[in-house]
Amino acid sequence: MKILFDQGTPAPLRRHLAEHMVTTAYEAGWSNLSNGDLLDAAEEAGYQVFVTTDQNLRYQQNLHKRRIAIVVLLSTSWPRIRPRVTEIREVINGMSAGGFVEVLISS
């Protein structure tokens, strides 16, 4: 699966998704794009999943007609996210086009 990490997504998560092709927005040259433009670029480039920590994304963007699946991690803290890696991997692997899931990360 082709996965795009947003700016705030902890990079160490990438190691736990080795079976997928993971790119960051920065690596793609899209670090200056707003969320709407970033999602457009990701869809155009064939990304299937967008992983972000932007909890306001669903309120800022019309996600209804999106083809890309969106996974929102409800924390930016890698120490908090790390224990949930197995669940996050399962969520990502289960995503379908246009899906939207928020992953609660305990404090």
Protein backbone atom coordinates (compact mmCIF):
# COMPACT_ATOMS: atom_id res chain seq x y z
CA MET A 1 0.00 0.00 0.00
CA LYS A 2 1.20 3.52 -0.74
CA ILE A 3 1.03 5.62 2.45
CA LEU A 4 1.67 9.34 2.99
CA PHE A 5 2.62 10.69 6.43
CA ASP A 6 1.56 14.25 7.23
CA GLN A 7 4.03 16.65 8.91
CA GLY A 8 3.14 15.79 12.52
CA THR A 9 3.09 12.01 12.10
CA PRO A 10 5.99 10.53 14.09
CA ALA A 11 8.57 9.17 11.62
CA PRO A 12 9.48 6.11 13.76
CA LEU A 13 6.04 4.67 12.92
CA ARG A 14 7.36 4.08 9.41
CA ARG A 15 9.60 1.21 10.63
CA HIS A 16 6.48 -0.65 11.76
CA LEU A 17 4.89 -0.39 8.31
CA ALA A 18 7.76 -1.98 6.39
CA GLU A 19 5.39 -3.97 4.17
CA HIS A 20 4.10 -0.68 2.75
CA MET A 21 5.67 2.15 0.77
CA VAL A 22 5.70 5.07 3.22
CA THR A 23 6.63 8.61 2.24
CA THR A 24 6.43 11.81 4.27
CA ALA A 25 4.92 15.01 2.93
CA TYR A 26 8.37 16.56 3.32
CA GLU A 27 10.04 13.83 1.24
CA ALA A 28 7.42 14.28 -1.47
CA GLY A 29 8.15 18.02 -1.57
CA TRP A 30 4.69 18.85 -0.27
CA SER A 31 5.53 20.31 3.15
CA ASN A 32 4.19 23.74 2.15
CA LEU A 33 0.82 22.50 0.87
CA SER A 34 -2.35 23.14 2.84
CA ASN A 35 -4.40 20.07 3.81
CA GLY A 36 -6.79 20.30 0.87
CA ASP A 37 -3.99 20.72 -1.66
CA LEU A 38 -1.96 18.01 0.08
CA LEU A 39 -4.85 15.53 -0.13
CA ASP A 40 -5.36 16.45 -3.81
CA ALA A 41 -1.66 15.89 -4.56
CA ALA A 42 -1.63 12.60 -2.64
CA GLU A 43 -4.66 11.27 -4.49
CA GLU A 44 -3.22 12.35 -7.84
CA ALA A 45 0.06 10.56 -7.00
CA GLY A 46 -1.79 7.34 -6.17
CA TYR A 47 -1.46 7.30 -2.39
CA GLN A 48 -4.05 5.07 -0.78
CA VAL A 49 -3.71 6.09 2.89
CA PHE A 50 -2.94 9.44 4.52
CA VAL A 51 -1.76 9.27 8.15
CA THR A 52 -2.02 12.51 10.11
CA THR A 53 -2.20 13.84 13.65
CA ASP A 54 -4.39 16.79 12.59
CA GLN A 55 -7.50 16.26 14.71
CA ASN A 56 -9.32 19.12 12.96
CA LEU A 57 -8.91 17.69 9.45
CA ARG A 58 -12.46 16.32 9.29
CA TYR A 59 -13.84 19.77 10.17
CA GLN A 60 -11.55 21.73 7.85
CA GLN A 61 -11.97 19.60 4.73
CA ASN A 62 -14.86 18.08 2.85
CA LEU A 63 -13.81 14.42 2.99
CA HIS A 64 -17.01 13.07 1.43
CA LYS A 65 -15.64 12.61 -2.09
CA ARG A 66 -12.07 11.66 -1.19
CA ARG A 67 -10.61 8.47 -2.62
CA ILE A 68 -7.71 8.40 -0.18
CA ALA A 69 -8.30 6.73 3.19
CA ILE A 70 -7.45 8.89 6.20
CA VAL A 71 -6.10 7.69 9.54
CA VAL A 72 -5.94 10.31 12.29
CA LEU A 73 -3.69 9.54 15.25
CA LEU A 74 -5.04 11.42 18.25
CA SER A 75 -1.55 12.22 19.56
CA THR A 76 1.76 13.43 18.18
CA SER A 77 3.78 11.78 20.95
CA TRP A 78 5.83 8.79 19.77
CA PRO A 79 6.16 7.37 23.33
CA ARG A 80 2.33 7.31 23.52
CA ILE A 81 1.87 6.00 19.97
CA ARG A 82 4.52 3.25 20.16
CA PRO A 83 2.44 0.87 22.35
CA ARG A 84 -0.42 1.15 19.82
CA VAL A 85 1.64 0.26 16.73
CA THR A 86 -0.03 -3.14 16.25
CA GLU A 87 -3.49 -1.56 16.35
CA ILE A 88 -2.44 1.24 14.01
CA ARG A 89 -1.01 -1.29 11.53
CA GLU A 90 -4.28 -3.28 11.66
CA VAL A 91 -6.31 -0.11 11.10
CA ILE A 92 -4.16 0.89 8.12
CA ASN A 93 -4.30 -2.60 6.62
CA GLY A 94 -8.09 -2.60 6.94
CA MET A 95 -8.69 0.78 5.33
CA SER A 96 -10.68 1.06 2.13
CA ALA A 97 -10.84 3.92 -0.35
CA GLY A 98 -12.37 7.04 1.18
CA GLY A 99 -12.39 5.60 4.70
CA PHE A 100 -11.82 7.70 7.79
CA VAL A 101 -10.65 6.40 11.19
CA GLU A 102 -9.44 8.17 14.31
CA VAL A 103 -7.13 6.13 16.53
CA LEU A 104 -7.40 7.06 20.20
CA ILE A 105 -4.03 7.24 21.88
CA SER A 106 -4.19 6.99 25.68
CA SER A 107 -2.27 9.47 27.74
